PDB file of N, CA and C in Angstrom:
ATOM      1  N   MET A   1      -2.218   2.977  36.192  1.00  0.00           N
ATOM      2  CA  MET A   1      -2.751   2.573  35.021  1.00  0.00           C
ATOM      3  C   MET A   1      -4.097   2.001  35.237  1.00  0.00           C
ATOM      4  N   THR A   2      -5.044   2.500  34.671  1.00  0.00           N
ATOM      5  CA  THR A   2      -6.384   2.213  34.673  1.00  0.00           C
ATOM      6  C   THR A   2      -6.883   1.508  33.369  1.00  0.00           C
ATOM      7  N   PRO A   3      -7.090   0.123  33.536  1.00  0.00           N
ATOM      8  CA  PRO A   3      -7.462  -0.716  32.272  1.00  0.00           C
ATOM      9  C   PRO A   3      -8.713  -0.196  31.607  1.00  0.00           C
ATOM     10  N   LEU A   4      -8.811  -0.484  30.302  1.00  0.00           N
ATOM     11  CA  LEU A   4      -9.797  -0.172  29.764  1.00  0.00           C
ATOM     12  C   LEU A   4     -10.917  -1.170  29.951  1.00  0.00           C
ATOM     13  N   ALA A   5     -12.216  -0.929  29.583  1.00  0.00           N
ATOM     14  CA  ALA A   5     -13.507  -1.902  29.999  1.00  0.00           C
ATOM     15  C   ALA A   5     -13.088  -2.961  28.955  1.00  0.00           C
ATOM     16  N   ARG A   6     -13.470  -4.076  29.435  1.00  0.00           N
ATOM     17  CA  ARG A   6     -13.221  -5.352  28.755  1.00  0.00           C
ATOM     18  C   ARG A   6     -13.745  -5.160  27.239  1.00  0.00           C
ATOM     19  N   ASP A   7     -14.879  -4.789  26.949  1.00  0.00           N
ATOM     20  CA  ASP A   7     -15.145  -4.543  25.521  1.00  0.00           C
ATOM     21  C   ASP A   7     -14.515  -3.874  24.567  1.00  0.00           C
ATOM     22  N   SER A   8     -14.152  -2.686  25.176  1.00  0.00           N
ATOM     23  CA  SER A   8     -13.314  -1.637  24.636  1.00  0.00           C
ATOM     24  C   SER A   8     -11.784  -2.325  24.485  1.00  0.00           C
ATOM     25  N   ALA A   9     -11.308  -2.972  25.302  1.00  0.00           N
ATOM     26  CA  ALA A   9      -9.966  -3.908  25.147  1.00  0.00           C
ATOM     27  C   ALA A   9      -9.979  -4.932  24.082  1.00  0.00           C
ATOM     28  N   GLU A  10     -11.223  -5.491  23.826  1.00  0.00           N
ATOM     29  CA  GLU A  10     -11.362  -6.554  22.923  1.00  0.00           C
ATOM     30  C   GLU A  10     -11.278  -5.740  21.497  1.00  0.00           C
ATOM     31  N   LEU A  11     -12.024  -4.733  21.421  1.00  0.00           N
ATOM     32  CA  LEU A  11     -12.173  -3.866  20.288  1.00  0.00           C
ATOM     33  C   LEU A  11     -11.011  -3.409  19.797  1.00  0.00           C
ATOM     34  N   LEU A  12     -10.248  -2.899  20.710  1.00  0.00           N
ATOM     35  CA  LEU A  12      -8.888  -2.315  20.562  1.00  0.00           C
ATOM     36  C   LEU A  12      -7.872  -3.547  19.771  1.00  0.00           C
ATOM     37  N   ALA A  13      -7.760  -4.749  20.604  1.00  0.00           N
ATOM     38  CA  ALA A  13      -7.065  -5.645  20.039  1.00  0.00           C
ATOM     39  C   ALA A  13      -7.567  -6.582  18.704  1.00  0.00           C
ATOM     40  N   ILE A  14      -8.753  -6.325  18.232  1.00  0.00           N
ATOM     41  CA  ILE A  14      -9.511  -6.504  16.952  1.00  0.00           C
ATOM     42  C   ILE A  14      -8.771  -5.713  15.904  1.00  0.00           C
ATOM     43  N   GLU A  15      -8.658  -4.335  16.420  1.00  0.00           N
ATOM     44  CA  GLU A  15      -8.203  -3.327  15.447  1.00  0.00           C
ATOM     45  C   GLU A  15      -6.592  -3.521  15.266  1.00  0.00           C
ATOM     46  N   ALA A  16      -6.043  -3.942  16.415  1.00  0.00           N
ATOM     47  CA  ALA A  16      -4.532  -4.295  16.244  1.00  0.00           C
ATOM     48  C   ALA A  16      -4.407  -5.455  15.457  1.00  0.00           C
ATOM     49  N   LEU A  17      -5.238  -6.397  15.390  1.00  0.00           N
ATOM     50  CA  LEU A  17      -4.864  -7.625  14.565  1.00  0.00           C
ATOM     51  C   LEU A  17      -5.183  -7.351  13.239  1.00  0.00           C
ATOM     52  N   SER A  18      -6.333  -6.418  12.951  1.00  0.00           N
ATOM     53  CA  SER A  18      -6.587  -5.989  11.555  1.00  0.00           C
ATOM     54  C   SER A  18      -5.311  -5.305  11.034  1.00  0.00           C
ATOM     55  N   TRP A  19      -4.727  -4.383  11.856  1.00  0.00           N
ATOM     56  CA  TRP A  19      -3.579  -3.523  11.423  1.00  0.00           C
ATOM     57  C   TRP A  19      -2.269  -4.763  11.043  1.00  0.00           C
ATOM     58  N   LEU A  20      -2.289  -5.780  11.998  1.00  0.00           N
ATOM     59  CA  LEU A  20      -1.106  -6.675  11.725  1.00  0.00           C
ATOM     60  C   LEU A  20      -1.359  -7.227  10.530  1.00  0.00           C
ATOM     61  N   VAL A  21      -2.920  -7.460  10.255  1.00  0.00           N
ATOM     62  CA  VAL A  21      -3.104  -8.240   8.901  1.00  0.00           C
ATOM     63  C   VAL A  21      -2.653  -7.482   7.607  1.00  0.00           C
ATOM     64  N   GLY A  22      -2.576  -5.993   7.697  1.00  0.00           N
ATOM     65  CA  GLY A  22      -2.440  -5.171   6.694  1.00  0.00           C
ATOM     66  C   GLY A  22      -0.921  -4.958   6.550  1.00  0.00           C
ATOM     67  N   ASP A  23      -0.048  -5.313   7.381  1.00  0.00           N
ATOM     68  CA  ASP A  23       1.269  -5.006   7.547  1.00  0.00           C
ATOM     69  C   ASP A  23       1.762  -6.115   6.795  1.00  0.00           C
ATOM     70  N   GLU A  24       2.433  -6.300   5.725  1.00  0.00           N
ATOM     71  CA  GLU A  24       3.066  -7.262   5.015  1.00  0.00           C
ATOM     72  C   GLU A  24       4.464  -7.771   5.677  1.00  0.00           C
ATOM     73  N   GLU A  25       5.267  -6.656   6.164  1.00  0.00           N
ATOM     74  CA  GLU A  25       6.661  -7.260   6.783  1.00  0.00           C
ATOM     75  C   GLU A  25       6.342  -7.817   8.137  1.00  0.00           C
ATOM     76  N   LEU A  26       5.173  -7.224   8.981  1.00  0.00           N
ATOM     77  CA  LEU A  26       5.094  -7.555  10.532  1.00  0.00           C
ATOM     78  C   LEU A  26       4.346  -8.770  10.638  1.00  0.00           C
ATOM     79  N   LEU A  27       3.264  -9.031   9.617  1.00  0.00           N
ATOM     80  CA  LEU A  27       2.297 -10.344   9.745  1.00  0.00           C
ATOM     81  C   LEU A  27       3.165 -11.481   9.831  1.00  0.00           C
ATOM     82  N   PRO A  28       4.098 -11.702   9.037  1.00  0.00           N
ATOM     83  CA  PRO A  28       4.753 -13.119   8.951  1.00  0.00           C
ATOM     84  C   PRO A  28       5.589 -13.311  10.373  1.00  0.00           C
ATOM     85  N   VAL A  29       5.888 -12.134  10.975  1.00  0.00           N
ATOM     86  CA  VAL A  29       6.821 -12.250  12.035  1.00  0.00           C
ATOM     87  C   VAL A  29       5.695 -12.593  13.444  1.00  0.00           C
ATOM     88  N   PHE A  30       4.397 -12.181  13.252  1.00  0.00           N
ATOM     89  CA  PHE A  30       3.303 -12.496  14.198  1.00  0.00           C
ATOM     90  C   PHE A  30       3.022 -14.078  14.118  1.00  0.00           C
ATOM     91  N   LEU A  31       2.942 -14.294  12.739  1.00  0.00           N
ATOM     92  CA  LEU A  31       2.333 -15.612  12.725  1.00  0.00           C
ATOM     93  C   LEU A  31       3.532 -16.648  12.999  1.00  0.00           C
ATOM     94  N   GLY A  32       5.054 -16.290  12.639  1.00  0.00           N
ATOM     95  CA  GLY A  32       5.676 -17.004  13.117  1.00  0.00           C
ATOM     96  C   GLY A  32       5.999 -17.472  14.766  1.00  0.00           C
ATOM     97  N   SER A  33       5.682 -15.954  15.237  1.00  0.00           N
ATOM     98  CA  SER A  33       5.931 -16.089  16.903  1.00  0.00           C
ATOM     99  C   SER A  33       4.691 -16.707  17.569  1.00  0.00           C
ATOM    100  N   THR A  34       3.462 -16.564  17.213  1.00  0.00           N
ATOM    101  CA  THR A  34       2.258 -16.985  17.693  1.00  0.00           C
ATOM    102  C   THR A  34       2.059 -18.638  17.139  1.00  0.00           C
ATOM    103  N   GLY A  35       2.406 -19.052  16.007  1.00  0.00           N
ATOM    104  CA  GLY A  35       2.073 -20.179  15.455  1.00  0.00           C
ATOM    105  C   GLY A  35       0.998 -20.290  14.825  1.00  0.00           C
ATOM    106  N   ALA A  36       0.202 -19.147  14.926  1.00  0.00           N
ATOM    107  CA  ALA A  36      -1.313 -19.005  14.374  1.00  0.00           C
ATOM    108  C   ALA A  36      -1.077 -18.875  12.635  1.00  0.00           C
ATOM    109  N   GLY A  37      -2.073 -19.471  11.969  1.00  0.00           N
ATOM    110  CA  GLY A  37      -2.176 -19.176  10.652  1.00  0.00           C
ATOM    111  C   GLY A  37      -3.325 -18.476  10.248  1.00  0.00           C
ATOM    112  N   ALA A  38      -3.547 -18.140   9.110  1.00  0.00           N
ATOM    113  CA  ALA A  38      -4.493 -17.204   8.624  1.00  0.00           C
ATOM    114  C   ALA A  38      -6.233 -17.781   8.991  1.00  0.00           C
ATOM    115  N   GLY A  39      -6.285 -19.231   9.125  1.00  0.00           N
ATOM    116  CA  GLY A  39      -7.487 -19.606   9.551  1.00  0.00           C
ATOM    117  C   GLY A  39      -7.668 -19.589  10.912  1.00  0.00           C
ATOM    118  N   ASP A  40      -6.696 -19.568  11.886  1.00  0.00           N
ATOM    119  CA  ASP A  40      -6.679 -19.243  13.389  1.00  0.00           C
ATOM    120  C   ASP A  40      -7.149 -17.860  13.689  1.00  0.00           C
ATOM    121  N   MET A  41      -6.654 -16.791  12.705  1.00  0.00           N
ATOM    122  CA  MET A  41      -6.857 -15.588  13.253  1.00  0.00           C
ATOM    123  C   MET A  41      -8.256 -15.443  12.751  1.00  0.00           C
ATOM    124  N   ARG A  42      -8.954 -15.877  11.732  1.00  0.00           N
ATOM    125  CA  ARG A  42     -10.250 -15.707  11.259  1.00  0.00           C
ATOM    126  C   ARG A  42     -11.203 -16.523  12.450  1.00  0.00           C
ATOM    127  N   ALA A  43     -10.823 -17.595  12.784  1.00  0.00           N
ATOM    128  CA  ALA A  43     -11.651 -18.479  13.948  1.00  0.00           C
ATOM    129  C   ALA A  43     -11.561 -17.741  15.429  1.00  0.00           C
ATOM    130  N   ARG A  44     -10.414 -17.277  15.700  1.00  0.00           N
ATOM    131  CA  ARG A  44     -10.042 -16.853  16.844  1.00  0.00           C
ATOM    132  C   ARG A  44     -10.235 -15.314  17.260  1.00  0.00           C
ATOM    133  N   ALA A  45     -10.545 -14.346  16.133  1.00  0.00           N
ATOM    134  CA  ALA A  45     -10.502 -13.124  16.069  1.00  0.00           C
ATOM    135  C   ALA A  45     -11.630 -12.454  17.517  1.00  0.00           C
ATOM    136  N   LYS A  46     -12.332 -13.185  17.855  1.00  0.00           N
ATOM    137  CA  LYS A  46     -13.161 -12.722  18.981  1.00  0.00           C
ATOM    138  C   LYS A  46     -12.898 -13.633  20.466  1.00  0.00           C
ATOM    139  N   ASP A  47     -11.718 -14.380  20.461  1.00  0.00           N
ATOM    140  CA  ASP A  47     -11.391 -15.072  21.593  1.00  0.00           C
ATOM    141  C   ASP A  47     -10.439 -14.201  22.497  1.00  0.00           C
ATOM    142  N   PRO A  48     -10.980 -13.665  23.635  1.00  0.00           N
ATOM    143  CA  PRO A  48     -10.045 -13.133  24.471  1.00  0.00           C
ATOM    144  C   PRO A  48      -8.772 -13.363  24.631  1.00  0.00           C
ATOM    145  N   GLU A  49      -8.365 -14.661  24.655  1.00  0.00           N
ATOM    146  CA  GLU A  49      -6.976 -15.146  25.012  1.00  0.00           C
ATOM    147  C   GLU A  49      -6.011 -14.972  23.972  1.00  0.00           C
ATOM    148  N   PHE A  50      -6.843 -15.148  22.660  1.00  0.00           N
ATOM    149  CA  PHE A  50      -6.028 -14.875  21.254  1.00  0.00           C
ATOM    150  C   PHE A  50      -5.700 -13.373  21.234  1.00  0.00           C
ATOM    151  N   LEU A  51      -7.023 -12.519  21.569  1.00  0.00           N
ATOM    152  CA  LEU A  51      -6.724 -11.296  21.346  1.00  0.00           C
ATOM    153  C   LEU A  51      -5.743 -10.840  22.490  1.00  0.00           C
ATOM    154  N   ALA A  52      -5.474 -11.417  23.670  1.00  0.00           N
ATOM    155  CA  ALA A  52      -4.413 -11.112  24.443  1.00  0.00           C
ATOM    156  C   ALA A  52      -3.062 -11.140  23.896  1.00  0.00           C
ATOM    157  N   SER A  53      -2.989 -12.557  23.419  1.00  0.00           N
ATOM    158  CA  SER A  53      -1.643 -12.577  22.586  1.00  0.00           C
ATOM    159  C   SER A  53      -1.273 -11.859  21.299  1.00  0.00           C
ATOM    160  N   VAL A  54      -2.475 -11.186  20.880  1.00  0.00           N
ATOM    161  CA  VAL A  54      -2.023 -10.028  19.794  1.00  0.00           C
ATOM    162  C   VAL A  54      -1.356  -8.988  20.347  1.00  0.00           C
ATOM    163  N   LEU A  55      -1.966  -8.428  21.423  1.00  0.00           N
ATOM    164  CA  LEU A  55      -1.523  -7.230  22.399  1.00  0.00           C
ATOM    165  C   LEU A  55      -0.160  -7.656  22.927  1.00  0.00           C
ATOM    166  N   ASP A  56       0.212  -8.762  23.445  1.00  0.00           N
ATOM    167  CA  ASP A  56       1.476  -9.322  23.764  1.00  0.00           C
ATOM    168  C   ASP A  56       2.379  -8.992  22.765  1.00  0.00           C
ATOM    169  N   PHE A  57       2.014  -9.453  21.573  1.00  0.00           N
ATOM    170  CA  PHE A  57       2.998  -9.418  20.466  1.00  0.00           C
ATOM    171  C   PHE A  57       3.088  -7.890  20.195  1.00  0.00           C
ATOM    172  N   LEU A  58       2.221  -7.168  20.156  1.00  0.00           N
ATOM    173  CA  LEU A  58       2.262  -5.676  19.995  1.00  0.00           C
ATOM    174  C   LEU A  58       3.169  -5.088  20.718  1.00  0.00           C
ATOM    175  N   LEU A  59       3.314  -5.232  22.081  1.00  0.00           N
ATOM    176  CA  LEU A  59       3.707  -4.557  22.992  1.00  0.00           C
ATOM    177  C   LEU A  59       5.157  -5.132  22.942  1.00  0.00           C
ATOM    178  N   MET A  60       5.656  -5.973  22.333  1.00  0.00           N
ATOM    179  CA  MET A  60       7.193  -6.337  22.419  1.00  0.00           C
ATOM    180  C   MET A  60       8.053  -5.095  21.849  1.00  0.00           C
ATOM    181  N   ASP A  61       7.382  -4.218  21.045  1.00  0.00           N
ATOM    182  CA  ASP A  61       8.203  -3.459  20.383  1.00  0.00           C
ATOM    183  C   ASP A  61       7.655  -2.194  20.394  1.00  0.00           C
ATOM    184  N   ASP A  62       8.170  -1.029  21.086  1.00  0.00           N
ATOM    185  CA  ASP A  62       7.689   0.218  21.147  1.00  0.00           C
ATOM    186  C   ASP A  62       7.438   0.880  19.726  1.00  0.00           C
ATOM    187  N   ALA A  63       8.212   0.518  18.754  1.00  0.00           N
ATOM    188  CA  ALA A  63       7.838   1.042  17.452  1.00  0.00           C
ATOM    189  C   ALA A  63       6.718   0.506  16.917  1.00  0.00           C
ATOM    190  N   TRP A  64       6.535  -0.665  17.118  1.00  0.00           N
ATOM    191  CA  TRP A  64       5.095  -1.347  16.844  1.00  0.00           C
ATOM    192  C   TRP A  64       3.993  -0.553  17.418  1.00  0.00           C
ATOM    193  N   VAL A  65       3.907  -0.332  18.711  1.00  0.00           N
ATOM    194  CA  VAL A  65       3.105   0.592  19.424  1.00  0.00           C
ATOM    195  C   VAL A  65       2.692   1.681  18.769  1.00  0.00           C
ATOM    196  N   GLN A  66       3.806   2.501  18.688  1.00  0.00           N
ATOM    197  CA  GLN A  66       3.593   3.900  18.031  1.00  0.00           C
ATOM    198  C   GLN A  66       3.103   3.820  16.811  1.00  0.00           C
ATOM    199  N   ARG A  67       3.603   2.923  15.872  1.00  0.00           N
ATOM    200  CA  ARG A  67       2.850   2.669  14.661  1.00  0.00           C
ATOM    201  C   ARG A  67       1.320   2.318  14.536  1.00  0.00           C
ATOM    202  N   PHE A  68       1.151   1.336  15.278  1.00  0.00           N
ATOM    203  CA  PHE A  68      -0.341   1.271  15.443  1.00  0.00           C
ATOM    204  C   PHE A  68      -1.096   2.046  16.023  1.00  0.00           C
ATOM    205  N   CYS A  69      -0.813   2.883  17.204  1.00  0.00           N
ATOM    206  CA  CYS A  69      -1.482   3.793  17.772  1.00  0.00           C
ATOM    207  C   CYS A  69      -1.812   5.038  16.933  1.00  0.00           C
ATOM    208  N   ASP A  70      -0.599   5.273  16.213  1.00  0.00           N
ATOM    209  CA  ASP A  70      -0.636   6.639  15.249  1.00  0.00           C
ATOM    210  C   ASP A  70      -1.664   6.179  14.109  1.00  0.00           C
ATOM    211  N   SER A  71      -1.770   4.921  13.545  1.00  0.00           N
ATOM    212  CA  SER A  71      -2.612   4.769  12.412  1.00  0.00           C
ATOM    213  C   SER A  71      -4.013   4.597  13.210  1.00  0.00           C
ATOM    214  N   ALA A  72      -4.326   4.405  14.221  1.00  0.00           N
ATOM    215  CA  ALA A  72      -5.539   4.341  14.678  1.00  0.00           C
ATOM    216  C   ALA A  72      -6.081   5.538  15.925  1.00  0.00           C
ATOM    217  N   ASP A  73      -4.986   6.345  15.508  1.00  0.00           N
ATOM    218  CA  ASP A  73      -5.184   7.575  16.593  1.00  0.00           C
ATOM    219  C   ASP A  73      -5.608   7.221  18.197  1.00  0.00           C
ATOM    220  N   TYR A  74      -4.846   6.369  18.519  1.00  0.00           N
ATOM    221  CA  TYR A  74      -5.019   6.024  20.085  1.00  0.00           C
ATOM    222  C   TYR A  74      -3.657   6.654  20.834  1.00  0.00           C
ATOM    223  N   GLY A  75      -3.964   6.896  21.948  1.00  0.00           N
ATOM    224  CA  GLY A  75      -2.687   7.387  22.728  1.00  0.00           C
ATOM    225  C   GLY A  75      -1.805   6.058  22.956  1.00  0.00           C
ATOM    226  N   TYR A  76      -0.711   6.237  23.198  1.00  0.00           N
ATOM    227  CA  TYR A  76       0.478   5.130  23.206  1.00  0.00           C
ATOM    228  C   TYR A  76       0.192   4.394  24.456  1.00  0.00           C
ATOM    229  N   ASP A  77      -0.506   4.748  25.253  1.00  0.00           N
ATOM    230  CA  ASP A  77      -0.924   4.074  26.440  1.00  0.00           C
ATOM    231  C   ASP A  77      -2.162   2.982  26.251  1.00  0.00           C
ATOM    232  N   PHE A  78      -2.816   3.108  25.374  1.00  0.00           N
ATOM    233  CA  PHE A  78      -4.005   2.301  25.290  1.00  0.00           C
ATOM    234  C   PHE A  78      -3.798   0.851  24.992  1.00  0.00           C
ATOM    235  N   PRO A  79      -2.701   0.307  24.202  1.00  0.00           N
ATOM    236  CA  PRO A  79      -2.635  -0.980  24.255  1.00  0.00           C
ATOM    237  C   PRO A  79      -2.307  -1.691  25.376  1.00  0.00           C
ATOM    238  N   VAL A  80      -1.637  -0.989  26.301  1.00  0.00           N
ATOM    239  CA  VAL A  80      -1.228  -1.756  27.516  1.00  0.00           C
ATOM    240  C   VAL A  80      -2.259  -1.649  28.510  1.00  0.00           C
ATOM    241  N   ARG A  81      -3.035  -0.717  28.478  1.00  0.00           N
ATOM    242  CA  ARG A  81      -4.363  -0.551  29.141  1.00  0.00           C
ATOM    243  C   ARG A  81      -5.267  -1.798  28.744  1.00  0.00           C
ATOM    244  N   ALA A  82      -5.378  -1.851  27.380  1.00  0.00           N
ATOM    245  CA  ALA A  82      -6.162  -2.898  27.009  1.00  0.00           C
ATOM    246  C   ALA A  82      -5.736  -4.403  27.350  1.00  0.00           C
ATOM    247  N   ARG A  83      -4.466  -4.357  27.438  1.00  0.00           N
ATOM    248  CA  ARG A  83      -3.952  -5.591  27.669  1.00  0.00           C
ATOM    249  C   ARG A  83      -4.190  -6.143  28.963  1.00  0.00           C
ATOM    250  N   ALA A  84      -4.087  -5.032  29.903  1.00  0.00           N
ATOM    251  CA  ALA A  84      -4.585  -5.246  31.356  1.00  0.00           C
ATOM    252  C   ALA A  84      -5.985  -5.839  31.615  1.00  0.00           C
ATOM    253  N   ALA A  85      -6.875  -5.642  30.532  1.00  0.00           N
ATOM    254  CA  ALA A  85      -8.058  -5.883  30.750  1.00  0.00           C
ATOM    255  C   ALA A  85      -8.553  -7.327  30.298  1.00  0.00           C
ATOM    256  N   LEU A  86      -7.766  -7.923  29.610  1.00  0.00           N
ATOM    257  CA  LEU A  86      -7.847  -9.214  28.916  1.00  0.00           C
ATOM    258  C   LEU A  86      -7.165 -10.347  29.944  1.00  0.00           C
ATOM    259  N   PRO A  87      -7.676 -11.652  29.411  1.00  0.00           N
ATOM    260  CA  PRO A  87      -7.314 -12.860  30.338  1.00  0.00           C
ATOM    261  C   PRO A  87      -5.510 -12.698  30.748  1.00  0.00           C
ATOM    262  N   GLY A  88      -5.015 -12.810  31.613  1.00  0.00           N
ATOM    263  CA  GLY A  88      -3.552 -12.895  31.978  1.00  0.00           C
ATOM    264  C   GLY A  88      -3.015 -11.414  32.178  1.00  0.00           C
ATOM    265  N   GLY A  89      -3.724 -10.478  31.962  1.00  0.00           N
ATOM    266  CA  GLY A  89      -3.205  -9.048  31.921  1.00  0.00           C
ATOM    267  C   GLY A  89      -3.062  -8.231  33.344  1.00  0.00           C
ATOM    268  N   ALA A  90      -3.404  -9.053  34.327  1.00  0.00           N
ATOM    269  CA  ALA A  90      -3.315  -8.348  35.699  1.00  0.00           C
ATOM    270  C   ALA A  90      -1.811  -8.143  35.878  1.00  0.00           C
ATOM    271  N   GLU A  91      -1.523  -6.874  36.559  1.00  0.00           N
ATOM    272  CA  GLU A  91      -0.103  -6.515  36.916  1.00  0.00           C
ATOM    273  C   GLU A  91       0.382  -7.673  37.793  1.00  0.00           C
ATOM    274  N   VAL A  92       1.535  -7.701  37.747  1.00  0.00           N
ATOM    275  CA  VAL A  92       2.240  -8.951  38.738  1.00  0.00           C
ATOM    276  C   VAL A  92       2.878  -8.044  39.769  1.00  0.00           C
ATOM    277  N   ASN A  93       2.727  -8.372  40.975  1.00  0.00           N
ATOM    278  CA  ASN A  93       3.471  -7.514  42.431  1.00  0.00           C
ATOM    279  C   ASN A  93       4.347  -8.257  42.782  1.00  0.00           C
ATOM    280  N   TRP A  94       5.606  -7.992  42.599  1.00  0.00           N
ATOM    281  CA  TRP A  94       6.792  -8.872  43.191  1.00  0.00           C
ATOM    282  C   TRP A  94       6.853  -8.340  44.434  1.00  0.00           C
ATOM    283  N   THR A  95       6.624  -9.032  45.477  1.00  0.00           N
ATOM    284  CA  THR A  95       7.280  -8.318  46.764  1.00  0.00           C
ATOM    285  C   THR A  95       8.243  -9.371  47.475  1.00  0.00           C
TER     286      THR A  95
END
């Protein structure tokens, strides 16, 4: 898997955040699992660590990934490739 460029990964994560904000059912789940509030989302929308948490949340469910990717016309591998480019996204090699 080839990670996206960092700026492309951040852009995709911002798009995912916008998508989450527009989903009335999923947004409360995201807010509850991250402890973020509406003000946090605005204030941290360009923070790479917060954007990584957005993608971590999205990647918890294949159906969410598919819905987001379908809405934005991305391949289903794009969120995981974006996550790899953000802080804490390096692949773990268990030896």
